[in-house]
C-alpha cells in the first residue's frame, strides 16, 4: 500500500506532540553564566599564580637585600676593627720600646676594643682569629718582659691582623658588589616575568573573548535568520546544535517550534480536508439526488414500455412474434441502472455530523460497492471477510466512510503494475481484544521500514506528482484517533501491506 502521507508503524492513541524539553547532552553542558564564572575563576587563579610568583621573588629579593645589609654592617664592624688595630699599633709606636704603665694601659684598652669588635663579627675568619690569639700572646709577653723585642713581636702580629682585616674588607666589598649585581638582575627578571605573564594572560583572555563573542554573534544571527525564515514558512532542515548553553537551548527551541508549526500545519490541512470532504459529500449528495431524480423518470418510462413489450411477447399478441426481441435483457439492464442510481444516492445521502450507532459492515459494503466502479478494479480481486456478528460501534458515518475509501484507494494504487500474481484486496472485520478491527490488506508493492515509519507524516507520499497529496493516511489517523481508536501498518517490500484500524465497541454491545 502506498502511504498517503506515521511516526511509527503502530500509532498510539495520544498525539505525537509533546512538551518541549532540551535533549540530554554529552559531557558537561555549561550555561553562559557558568562559562563567565569559569573564566572569572580561571582569571582569579591565574592572578593568584602571578601574585604568588611576585611574592616569592619579593621574598627572595628581600632576603638578598637583608644579606647585603648584613654584609654592609659586617664591613662597618671590620672598619671599626681596623681602626682599633691601627690605634693599638699607633700607641705601641708612641711608647717606642720604653713601655710604661700608662702606655701599656692604653694599649690594653685599644686591644680590648679590637677583641670586642671581633666578637661583634658573625662570620668566621680563621687567619684573623689566629692573629688575634698570637697578638694577645705577644701582648702578654710584653707585659711580663717589657723589652723592645716583645714589643716588636706584638707590632708584627698587629700588622698581620690589619692585613687580614683589609683582606676581609676587600672580600666583603666584592661580595656586596656581586650581590648588588645579582639583586638588580633578579629584580629585572622578576619584573619582566611578571609583565610577560600578565601580557600572556591578557592576550589569551582577549583571544578567548573574541572567539566567544564572535561565535555567539554568529549563532544569534543564525537564530534570527532562521526565525524569520520560519515565520515566512520555512520548514526545512533543523538547525545543527553545536553548543550546550542558553543559545543551544534557543536553537533547540527554534527547531521544536518549526516542528510544532509543521505539525500544526498538517493538522490544519487535515481539518480543512475534513471540511472539504464534508462539503464535497454534501454537493455530491445534492447532485446525486438530482441525477437520480432526472434519470429515474426516463428509467421508469422505459421500464413501463419494456414491461408492456414483455407482456405482449408472453401473451403471443406481439405483432412480430418471431423477431429477435429480448425485452428481458433490456429489463435487466434497466434494473442495473436503477441499482447503480440507488447506490450512489444512498452513499451520497446527507448523514448526521454527530456520533451515532453504526454498522461498520454496512459502511464497508456500501463503500466497496461504490469504489468498485473504479476502472482500475477490473483487474483486482476484492474479497470481503466480514464478521456477521460484529457489534455496533459509536462514530460519525461520513468520517469512517472517508477512512475506508482512503484505505481502499491506497490499496488500489499499490497494486498498479503488479503482474506476477493476481492483484488482491482483502477487506475484513472482526473483534480483537475487546475492540472492533477493520483490516484492509493488499498484495501489492509494499513499503520498507523507513517509508512505513513516515507513512502518517503529513505531506509525505511516495506517489507521483498529481496522484497524491500526502494527507490520506494522516487524515485517517486523525479521524481514527478522534473516535478513540488506533491504526497500525504492517508492510514488507514486494509482499504487500496490511492496515488495521481498531475502534472501541459500543458500550451497550460490549
Protein backbone atom coordinates (compact mmCIF):
# COMPACT_ATOMS: atom_id res chain seq x y z
CA UNK A 1 0.00 0.00 0.00
CA UNK A 2 1.31 3.47 -0.87
CA UNK A 3 1.45 5.84 2.06
CA UNK A 4 -0.52 8.98 1.54
CA UNK A 5 1.40 10.52 3.95
CA UNK A 6 3.30 7.75 10.85
CA UNK A 7 5.85 8.35 13.10
CA UNK A 8 5.77 4.65 13.77
CA UNK A 9 4.17 1.56 12.32
CA UNK A 10 1.96 1.38 15.39
CA UNK A 11 0.32 4.69 16.32
CA UNK A 12 -0.58 5.33 19.97
CA UNK A 13 -3.82 6.96 20.94
CA UNK A 14 -2.06 10.02 22.34
CA UNK A 15 -0.99 12.81 19.98
CA UNK A 16 2.60 12.91 18.85
CA UNK A 17 3.08 16.48 20.12
CA UNK A 18 4.96 16.53 23.39
CA UNK A 19 6.08 19.24 25.75
CA UNK A 20 9.39 20.64 24.63
CA UNK A 21 12.43 19.72 26.66
CA UNK A 22 16.12 20.19 25.94
CA UNK A 23 17.70 16.87 24.92
CA UNK A 24 20.37 15.40 27.12
CA UNK A 25 23.86 16.44 26.09
CA UNK A 26 27.07 14.57 26.31
CA UNK A 27 29.85 15.89 28.51
CA UNK A 28 29.34 18.76 30.91
CA UNK A 29 26.99 21.40 29.47
CA UNK A 30 27.64 24.91 30.78
CA UNK A 31 25.40 27.93 30.61
CA UNK A 32 26.76 31.29 29.52
CA UNK A 33 26.64 32.44 33.14
CA UNK A 34 28.58 29.33 34.18
CA UNK A 35 31.11 29.96 31.43
CA UNK A 36 31.52 33.53 32.67
CA UNK A 37 32.04 32.31 36.23
CA UNK A 38 34.50 29.70 34.95
CA UNK A 39 36.51 32.34 33.07
CA UNK A 40 36.44 34.57 36.15
CA UNK A 41 37.67 31.66 38.26
CA UNK A 42 40.49 30.89 35.81
CA UNK A 43 41.49 34.56 35.75
CA UNK A 44 41.42 34.68 39.54
CA UNK A 45 43.57 31.55 39.73
CA UNK A 46 45.97 32.98 37.14
CA UNK A 47 46.16 36.23 39.11
CA UNK A 48 46.89 34.24 42.28
CA UNK A 49 49.67 32.38 40.47
CA UNK A 50 51.21 35.65 39.26
CA UNK A 51 50.85 37.15 42.74
CA UNK A 52 52.47 34.07 44.27
CA UNK A 53 55.36 34.34 41.80
CA UNK A 54 55.82 38.05 42.52
CA UNK A 55 55.58 37.41 46.26
CA UNK A 56 58.18 34.64 46.04
CA UNK A 57 60.51 36.88 44.04
CA UNK A 58 59.94 39.66 46.52
CA UNK A 59 60.84 37.38 49.43
CA UNK A 60 63.96 36.22 47.60
CA UNK A 61 64.98 39.81 46.85
CA UNK A 62 64.24 40.84 50.41
CA UNK A 63 66.41 38.02 51.74
CA UNK A 64 69.19 39.05 49.39
CA UNK A 65 68.80 42.68 50.45
CA UNK A 66 68.98 41.70 54.10
CA UNK A 67 72.14 39.71 53.35
CA UNK A 68 73.61 42.78 51.68
CA UNK A 69 72.70 44.85 54.76
CA UNK A 70 74.34 42.25 57.00
CA UNK A 71 77.49 42.33 54.87
CA UNK A 72 77.46 46.13 54.99
CA UNK A 73 77.15 46.07 58.76
CA UNK A 74 79.93 43.48 58.94
CA UNK A 75 82.08 45.71 56.73
CA UNK A 76 81.45 48.59 59.12
CA UNK A 77 82.47 46.42 62.04
CA UNK A 78 85.62 45.38 60.14
CA UNK A 79 86.41 49.04 59.53
CA UNK A 80 85.98 49.75 63.24
CA UNK A 81 88.14 46.70 63.97
CA UNK A 82 90.76 48.02 61.55
CA UNK A 83 90.63 51.42 63.27
CA UNK A 84 91.05 49.79 66.69
CA UNK A 85 94.03 47.79 65.41
CA UNK A 86 95.51 51.00 63.96
CA UNK A 87 95.09 52.85 67.26
CA UNK A 88 96.66 49.94 69.14
CA UNK A 89 99.60 49.93 66.74
CA UNK A 90 99.99 53.72 66.97
CA UNK A 91 100.02 53.54 70.76
CA UNK A 92 102.68 50.85 70.59
CA UNK A 93 104.77 53.05 68.29
CA UNK A 94 104.40 56.01 70.61
CA UNK A 95 105.89 54.24 73.61
CA UNK A 96 108.82 53.42 71.21
CA UNK A 97 110.27 50.48 73.13
CA UNK A 98 110.03 52.22 76.52
CA UNK A 99 106.92 50.80 77.97
CA UNK A 100 105.40 52.49 80.94
CA UNK A 101 102.29 51.84 82.96
CA UNK A 102 100.10 54.49 81.29
CA UNK A 103 101.09 53.47 77.78
CA UNK A 104 100.50 49.80 78.40
CA UNK A 105 97.07 50.56 79.84
CA UNK A 106 96.12 52.47 76.70
CA UNK A 107 97.46 49.59 74.53
CA UNK A 108 95.37 47.12 76.53
CA UNK A 109 92.35 49.37 76.21
CA UNK A 110 92.69 49.61 72.42
CA UNK A 111 93.34 45.85 72.13
CA UNK A 112 90.19 45.12 74.19
CA UNK A 113 88.38 47.30 71.68
CA UNK A 114 89.83 45.12 68.93
CA UNK A 115 88.57 41.98 70.66
CA UNK A 116 85.12 43.49 71.20
CA UNK A 117 84.76 44.37 67.53
CA UNK A 118 85.93 40.90 66.55
CA UNK A 119 83.24 39.48 68.83
CA UNK A 120 80.63 41.55 67.00
CA UNK A 121 81.52 39.88 63.71
CA UNK A 122 79.19 36.96 62.88
CA UNK A 123 81.44 35.46 60.24
CA UNK A 124 84.42 33.24 60.97
CA UNK A 125 87.83 34.49 59.74
CA UNK A 126 90.38 31.76 60.73
CA UNK A 127 93.57 33.76 59.99
CA UNK A 128 92.20 36.80 61.83
CA UNK A 129 91.34 34.68 64.85
CA UNK A 130 94.80 33.11 64.80
CA UNK A 131 96.39 36.57 64.51
CA UNK A 132 94.40 37.89 67.44
CA UNK A 133 95.42 34.90 69.54
CA UNK A 134 99.06 35.45 68.58
CA UNK A 135 98.79 39.21 69.28
CA UNK A 136 97.23 38.53 72.64
CA UNK A 137 100.09 36.16 73.47
CA UNK A 138 102.66 38.73 72.31
CA UNK A 139 100.99 41.45 74.40
CA UNK A 140 101.09 39.19 77.45
CA UNK A 141 104.80 38.52 76.84
CA UNK A 142 105.38 42.26 76.56
CA UNK A 143 103.62 42.76 79.87
CA UNK A 144 105.86 40.19 81.55
CA UNK A 145 109.06 41.34 79.89
CA UNK A 146 108.68 44.86 78.51
CA UNK A 147 111.56 44.52 76.09
CA UNK A 148 111.93 46.03 72.63
CA UNK A 149 111.84 42.52 71.09
CA UNK A 150 108.48 41.61 72.64
CA UNK A 151 107.05 44.95 71.61
CA UNK A 152 108.35 44.38 68.09
CA UNK A 153 106.73 40.93 68.01
CA UNK A 154 103.47 42.47 69.16
CA UNK A 155 103.69 45.06 66.39
CA UNK A 156 104.28 42.31 63.82
CA UNK A 157 101.14 40.50 64.96
CA UNK A 158 99.13 43.75 64.76
CA UNK A 159 100.33 44.23 61.15
CA UNK A 160 99.14 40.69 60.33
CA UNK A 161 95.77 41.46 61.91
CA UNK A 162 95.48 44.67 59.93
CA UNK A 163 96.39 42.83 56.74
CA UNK A 164 93.70 40.18 57.40
CA UNK A 165 91.15 42.89 58.19
CA UNK A 166 91.97 44.66 54.93
CA UNK A 167 91.62 41.37 53.05
CA UNK A 168 88.25 40.69 54.77
CA UNK A 169 87.05 44.21 53.92
CA UNK A 170 88.05 43.79 50.27
CA UNK A 171 86.30 40.39 50.11
CA UNK A 172 83.16 41.85 51.74
CA UNK A 173 83.06 44.66 49.19
CA UNK A 174 83.46 42.25 46.29
CA UNK A 175 80.69 40.07 47.71
CA UNK A 176 78.40 43.08 48.14
CA UNK A 177 79.06 44.25 44.59
CA UNK A 178 78.28 40.75 43.27
CA UNK A 179 75.11 40.61 45.35
CA UNK A 180 74.10 44.08 44.14
CA UNK A 181 74.50 42.94 40.51
CA UNK A 182 72.53 39.75 41.28
CA UNK A 183 69.85 41.81 43.05
CA UNK A 184 69.42 44.10 40.06
CA UNK A 185 69.37 41.16 37.62
CA UNK A 186 66.87 39.21 39.72
CA UNK A 187 64.70 42.31 40.14
CA UNK A 188 64.70 42.95 36.38
CA UNK A 189 63.97 39.26 35.71
CA UNK A 190 61.06 39.24 38.15
CA UNK A 191 59.61 42.41 36.64
CA UNK A 192 59.95 41.12 33.06
CA UNK A 193 58.48 37.73 34.01
CA UNK A 194 55.52 39.39 35.72
CA UNK A 195 54.94 41.64 32.69
CA UNK A 196 55.24 38.64 30.33
CA UNK A 197 52.81 36.52 32.34
CA UNK A 198 50.36 39.41 32.59
CA UNK A 199 50.62 40.06 28.84
CA UNK A 200 50.13 36.38 28.03
CA UNK A 201 47.08 36.25 30.29
CA UNK A 202 45.58 39.36 28.72
CA UNK A 203 46.31 38.05 25.21
CA UNK A 204 44.72 34.65 25.92
CA UNK A 205 41.73 36.36 27.55
CA UNK A 206 41.39 38.65 24.54
CA UNK A 207 41.53 35.74 22.07
CA UNK A 208 39.01 33.70 24.08
CA UNK A 209 36.67 36.69 24.45
CA UNK A 210 36.95 37.49 20.74
CA UNK A 211 36.24 33.90 19.67
CA UNK A 212 33.43 33.52 22.20
CA UNK A 213 31.61 36.70 21.24
CA UNK A 214 32.23 36.12 17.52
CA UNK A 215 30.65 32.66 17.77
CA UNK A 216 27.85 34.00 19.96
CA UNK A 217 27.14 36.76 17.45
CA UNK A 218 27.20 34.26 14.57
CA UNK A 219 24.85 31.84 16.34
CA UNK A 220 22.45 34.63 17.34
CA UNK A 221 22.46 35.88 13.75
CA UNK A 222 21.71 32.34 12.56
CA UNK A 223 18.88 32.12 15.08
CA UNK A 224 17.47 35.43 13.90
CA UNK A 225 17.65 34.41 10.24
CA UNK A 226 16.07 31.01 10.87
CA UNK A 227 13.29 32.55 13.00
CA UNK A 228 12.43 34.96 10.19
CA UNK A 229 12.54 32.07 7.69
CA UNK A 230 10.17 30.04 9.86
CA UNK A 231 7.78 32.98 10.06
CA UNK A 232 7.89 33.11 6.24
CA UNK A 233 7.07 29.39 6.03
CA UNK A 234 10.44 27.62 6.05
CA UNK A 235 10.11 24.01 7.22
CA UNK A 236 13.39 22.55 6.04
CA UNK A 237 16.37 21.01 7.78
CA UNK A 238 16.61 21.91 11.50
CA UNK A 239 19.46 23.94 12.90
CA UNK A 240 22.53 21.95 13.90
CA UNK A 241 23.04 22.36 17.66
CA UNK A 242 26.75 22.65 18.34
CA UNK A 243 26.64 24.25 21.79
CA UNK A 244 25.00 23.34 25.07
CA UNK A 245 24.21 26.64 26.75
CA UNK A 246 21.28 29.05 26.61
CA UNK A 247 21.90 29.70 22.90
CA UNK A 248 21.91 25.94 22.25
CA UNK A 249 18.61 25.63 24.09
CA UNK A 250 17.27 28.51 22.00
CA UNK A 251 18.33 26.64 18.85
CA UNK A 252 16.58 23.51 20.09
CA UNK A 253 13.50 25.61 20.89
CA UNK A 254 13.51 27.10 17.38
CA UNK A 255 13.80 23.60 15.89
CA UNK A 256 10.97 22.44 18.12
CA UNK A 257 8.92 25.48 17.11
CA UNK A 258 9.44 24.63 13.43
CA UNK A 259 8.40 21.04 14.09
CA UNK A 260 5.33 22.17 16.03
CA UNK A 261 4.36 24.62 13.29
CA UNK A 262 4.81 21.89 10.71
CA UNK A 263 2.63 19.57 12.78
CA UNK A 264 0.04 22.31 13.23
CA UNK A 265 0.07 22.99 9.50
CA UNK A 266 -0.56 19.31 8.89
CA UNK A 267 -3.38 19.26 11.43
CA UNK A 268 -4.90 22.39 9.90
CA UNK A 269 -4.67 20.89 6.44
CA UNK A 270 -6.29 17.69 7.69
CA UNK A 271 -9.07 19.73 9.31
CA UNK A 272 -9.54 21.56 6.03
CA UNK A 273 -9.65 18.24 4.19
CA UNK A 274 -12.34 17.03 6.59
CA UNK A 275 -14.38 20.15 5.99
CA UNK A 276 -13.78 19.96 2.25
CA UNK A 277 -14.83 16.30 2.24
CA UNK A 278 -17.97 17.16 4.16
CA UNK A 279 -18.84 19.94 1.73
CA UNK A 280 -17.93 17.74 -1.23
CA UNK A 281 -20.14 14.92 0.03
CA UNK A 282 -22.99 17.36 0.54
CA UNK A 283 -22.57 18.62 -3.02
CA UNK A 284 -22.33 15.07 -4.35
CA UNK A 285 -25.44 14.20 -2.39
CA UNK A 286 -27.38 17.07 -3.88
CA UNK A 287 -26.06 16.24 -7.34
CA UNK A 288 -26.80 12.53 -6.92
CA UNK A 289 -30.31 13.27 -5.73
CA UNK A 290 -30.91 15.44 -8.80
CA UNK A 291 -29.31 12.91 -11.14
CA UNK A 292 -31.30 10.06 -9.58
CA UNK A 293 -34.50 12.05 -9.97
CA UNK A 294 -33.74 13.03 -13.56
CA UNK A 295 -32.60 9.54 -14.53
CA UNK A 296 -35.36 7.85 -12.52
CA UNK A 297 -38.18 9.24 -14.63
CA UNK A 298 -36.78 8.01 -18.01
CA UNK A 299 -35.89 4.69 -16.42
CA UNK A 300 -39.44 4.35 -15.11
CA UNK A 301 -40.88 5.17 -18.54
CA UNK A 302 -38.51 2.79 -20.30
CA UNK A 303 -39.26 0.12 -17.71
CA UNK A 304 -43.02 0.51 -18.37
CA UNK A 305 -42.53 0.21 -22.12
CA UNK A 306 -40.32 -2.84 -21.73
CA UNK A 307 -42.83 -4.41 -19.35
CA UNK A 308 -45.57 -3.88 -21.92
CA UNK A 309 -43.35 -5.43 -24.60
CA UNK A 310 -42.64 -8.37 -22.37
CA UNK A 311 -46.37 -8.86 -21.64
CA UNK A 312 -47.18 -8.80 -25.36
CA UNK A 313 -44.39 -11.15 -26.12
CA UNK A 314 -45.51 -13.55 -23.37
CA UNK A 315 -49.24 -13.48 -24.39
CA UNK A 316 -48.44 -14.04 -28.07
CA UNK A 317 -50.13 -10.78 -29.03
CA UNK A 318 -46.85 -9.37 -30.32
CA UNK A 319 -47.06 -8.19 -33.90
CA UNK A 320 -43.68 -9.73 -34.62
CA UNK A 321 -43.60 -12.96 -32.60
CA UNK A 322 -40.65 -14.39 -34.45
CA UNK A 323 -38.43 -11.28 -34.29
CA UNK A 324 -35.25 -11.30 -32.14
CA UNK A 325 -36.92 -9.27 -29.42
CA UNK A 326 -35.32 -9.56 -25.96
CA UNK A 327 -37.32 -7.44 -23.54
CA UNK A 328 -35.90 -9.49 -20.58
CA UNK A 329 -32.35 -8.38 -21.32
CA UNK A 330 -33.47 -4.77 -21.55
CA UNK A 331 -35.31 -5.15 -18.25
CA UNK A 332 -32.19 -6.50 -16.53
CA UNK A 333 -30.05 -3.57 -17.73
CA UNK A 334 -32.74 -1.16 -16.54
CA UNK A 335 -32.67 -2.82 -13.11
CA UNK A 336 -28.88 -2.49 -13.09
CA UNK A 337 -29.14 1.23 -13.86
CA UNK A 338 -31.70 1.62 -11.09
CA UNK A 339 -29.44 -0.22 -8.62
CA UNK A 340 -26.42 1.95 -9.51
CA UNK A 341 -28.51 5.09 -9.13
CA UNK A 342 -29.82 3.88 -5.77
CA UNK A 343 -26.30 3.03 -4.52
CA UNK A 344 -24.98 6.45 -5.48
CA UNK A 345 -27.97 8.12 -3.88
CA UNK A 346 -27.60 6.12 -0.68
CA UNK A 347 -23.85 6.75 -0.48
CA UNK A 348 -24.17 10.47 -1.04
CA UNK A 349 -27.24 11.00 1.10
CA UNK A 350 -26.75 13.50 3.95
CA UNK A 351 -25.54 11.95 7.19
CA UNK A 352 -25.51 13.13 10.77
CA UNK A 353 -22.40 15.05 11.83
CA UNK A 354 -22.77 13.72 15.39
CA UNK A 355 -21.69 10.27 16.59
CA UNK A 356 -24.31 7.56 16.28
CA UNK A 357 -24.58 3.78 16.40
CA UNK A 358 -23.17 2.40 13.16
CA UNK A 359 -22.97 -0.91 11.33
CA UNK A 360 -19.33 -0.98 10.25
CA UNK A 361 -20.01 -3.91 7.87
CA UNK A 362 -22.70 -1.87 6.11
CA UNK A 363 -20.31 1.09 5.69
CA UNK A 364 -17.66 -1.27 4.29
CA UNK A 365 -20.08 -2.88 1.80
CA UNK A 366 -21.54 0.40 0.53
CA UNK A 367 -18.11 2.00 0.15
CA UNK A 368 -16.72 -1.12 -1.52
CA UNK A 369 -19.66 -1.32 -3.92
CA UNK A 370 -19.23 2.31 -4.91
CA UNK A 371 -15.46 2.20 -5.38
CA UNK A 372 -15.92 -1.00 -7.39
CA UNK A 373 -16.93 1.18 -10.34
CA UNK A 374 -13.30 2.44 -10.49
CA UNK A 375 -11.98 1.00 -13.76
CA UNK A 376 -8.67 0.11 -12.07
CA UNK A 377 -10.54 -2.51 -10.04
CA UNK A 378 -11.46 -4.50 -13.14
CA UNK A 379 -8.23 -6.48 -12.81
CA UNK A 380 -8.29 -6.62 -8.99
CA UNK A 381 -9.92 -9.35 -6.95
CA UNK A 382 -11.72 -7.86 -3.95
CA UNK A 383 -12.55 -10.22 -1.09
CA UNK A 384 -14.87 -9.38 1.81
CA UNK A 385 -14.34 -11.32 5.04
CA UNK A 386 -16.83 -9.56 7.28
CA UNK A 387 -17.85 -10.83 10.70
CA UNK A 388 -21.65 -11.22 10.66
CA UNK A 389 -21.67 -10.98 14.47
CA UNK A 390 -19.72 -7.70 14.53
CA UNK A 391 -21.13 -5.42 17.25
CA UNK A 392 -22.18 -1.85 16.53
CA UNK A 393 -19.75 0.99 17.03
CA UNK A 394 -20.26 4.60 18.00
CA UNK A 395 -18.97 7.06 15.39
CA UNK A 396 -19.59 9.51 12.58
CA UNK A 397 -20.51 7.61 9.43
CA UNK A 398 -19.25 10.16 6.94
CA UNK A 399 -15.77 10.25 8.54
CA UNK A 400 -15.47 6.46 8.79
CA UNK A 401 -16.53 6.16 5.14
CA UNK A 402 -13.70 8.53 4.29
CA UNK A 403 -11.25 6.28 6.19
CA UNK A 404 -12.45 3.17 4.36
CA UNK A 405 -12.33 4.92 0.98
CA UNK A 406 -8.79 6.27 1.54
CA UNK A 407 -7.51 2.84 2.58
CA UNK A 408 -9.12 1.19 -0.44
CA UNK A 409 -7.74 3.82 -2.85
CA UNK A 410 -4.26 3.36 -1.38
CA UNK A 411 -4.57 -0.40 -1.80
CA UNK A 412 -5.66 0.04 -5.44
CA UNK A 413 -2.67 2.36 -6.07
CA UNK A 414 -0.31 -0.20 -4.51
CA UNK A 415 -1.50 -2.86 -6.97
CA UNK A 416 -0.52 -0.92 -10.08
CA UNK A 417 1.96 -2.76 -12.32
CA UNK A 418 1.69 -5.97 -10.25
CA UNK A 419 1.90 -8.70 -12.91
CA UNK A 420 3.48 -11.75 -11.25
CA UNK A 421 0.44 -12.51 -9.10
CA UNK A 422 -3.29 -11.92 -9.04
CA UNK A 423 -3.86 -8.40 -7.59
CA UNK A 424 -5.97 -8.92 -4.48
CA UNK A 425 -7.53 -6.74 -1.80
CA UNK A 426 -8.90 -8.42 1.32
CA UNK A 427 -11.30 -6.38 3.48
CA UNK A 428 -12.13 -7.98 6.82
CA UNK A 429 -13.77 -7.09 10.13
CA UNK A 430 -13.51 -8.89 13.44
CA UNK A 431 -13.34 -8.36 17.18
CA UNK A 432 -9.81 -8.29 18.67
CA UNK A 433 -9.18 -7.86 22.41
CA UNK A 434 -12.48 -6.10 23.04
CA UNK A 435 -12.16 -3.78 20.04
CA UNK A 436 -13.61 -3.82 16.54
CA UNK A 437 -10.88 -4.28 13.93
CA UNK A 438 -11.15 -3.23 10.29
CA UNK A 439 -8.36 -4.64 8.12
CA UNK A 440 -7.53 -3.69 4.52
CA UNK A 441 -4.81 -5.90 3.06
CA UNK A 442 -3.25 -5.96 -0.39
CA UNK A 443 -0.51 -7.99 -2.08
CA UNK A 444 1.00 -5.00 -3.83
CA UNK A 445 4.47 -3.48 -3.81
CA UNK A 446 4.66 -2.93 -0.04
CA UNK A 447 6.91 -0.50 1.86
CA UNK A 448 10.27 -0.66 3.54
CA UNK A 449 10.70 0.22 7.23
CA UNK A 450 11.79 3.82 6.63
CA UNK A 451 8.79 4.51 4.40
CA UNK A 452 6.37 2.83 6.80
CA UNK A 453 7.80 4.88 9.66
CA UNK A 454 6.84 8.09 7.84
CA UNK A 455 3.55 6.88 6.39
CA UNK A 456 1.44 9.05 8.71
CA UNK A 457 3.59 12.20 8.33
CA UNK A 458 1.60 15.00 6.76
CA UNK A 459 2.53 15.75 3.13
CA UNK A 460 4.71 12.63 2.85
CA UNK A 461 3.86 10.50 -0.16
CA UNK A 462 5.56 8.05 -2.49
CA UNK A 463 3.04 8.63 -5.26
CA UNK A 464 3.99 10.56 -8.37
CA UNK A 465 3.06 14.21 -8.75
CA UNK A 466 -0.65 14.74 -9.24
CA UNK A 467 -1.64 11.39 -7.73
CA UNK A 468 -1.25 12.08 -4.01
CA UNK A 469 -1.15 14.96 -1.54
CA UNK A 470 0.34 13.09 1.40
CA UNK A 471 -2.76 13.73 3.53
CA UNK A 472 -4.74 10.49 3.08
CA UNK A 473 -3.23 8.42 5.88
CA UNK A 474 -2.73 11.41 8.24
CA UNK A 475 -6.43 12.15 7.77
CA UNK A 476 -7.25 8.52 8.55
CA UNK A 477 -5.06 8.68 11.65
CA UNK A 478 -6.74 11.89 12.80
CA UNK A 479 -10.26 10.50 12.30
CA UNK A 480 -9.45 7.18 13.99
CA UNK A 481 -7.84 8.99 16.92
CA UNK A 482 -10.91 11.22 17.33
CA UNK A 483 -13.00 8.03 17.50
CA UNK A 484 -10.79 6.75 20.35
CA UNK A 485 -9.07 4.15 18.21
CA UNK A 486 -5.62 3.35 16.82
CA UNK A 487 -4.25 2.47 13.42
CA UNK A 488 -1.34 0.17 12.59
CA UNK A 489 0.63 -0.65 9.44
CA UNK A 490 2.36 -3.91 8.61
CA UNK A 491 4.25 -3.95 5.33
CA UNK A 492 7.11 -5.70 3.54
CA UNK A 493 8.61 -4.75 0.16
CA UNK A 494 7.32 -6.98 -2.62
CA UNK A 495 4.77 -8.74 -0.38
CA UNK A 496 2.12 -6.15 0.32
CA UNK A 497 0.66 -4.09 3.13
CA UNK A 498 -1.95 -4.56 5.81
CA UNK A 499 -3.56 -1.59 7.58
CA UNK A 500 -5.56 -2.34 10.70
CA UNK A 501 -7.97 0.12 12.31
CA UNK A 502 -9.00 -0.61 15.88
CA UNK A 503 -12.16 1.11 17.14
CA UNK A 504 -13.84 0.84 20.55
CA UNK A 505 -17.11 -1.08 20.65
CA UNK A 506 -20.36 0.49 21.71
CA UNK A 507 -20.63 0.11 25.48
CA UNK A 508 -24.10 -1.46 25.26
CA UNK A 509 -22.84 -4.14 22.87
CA UNK A 510 -19.65 -4.99 24.74
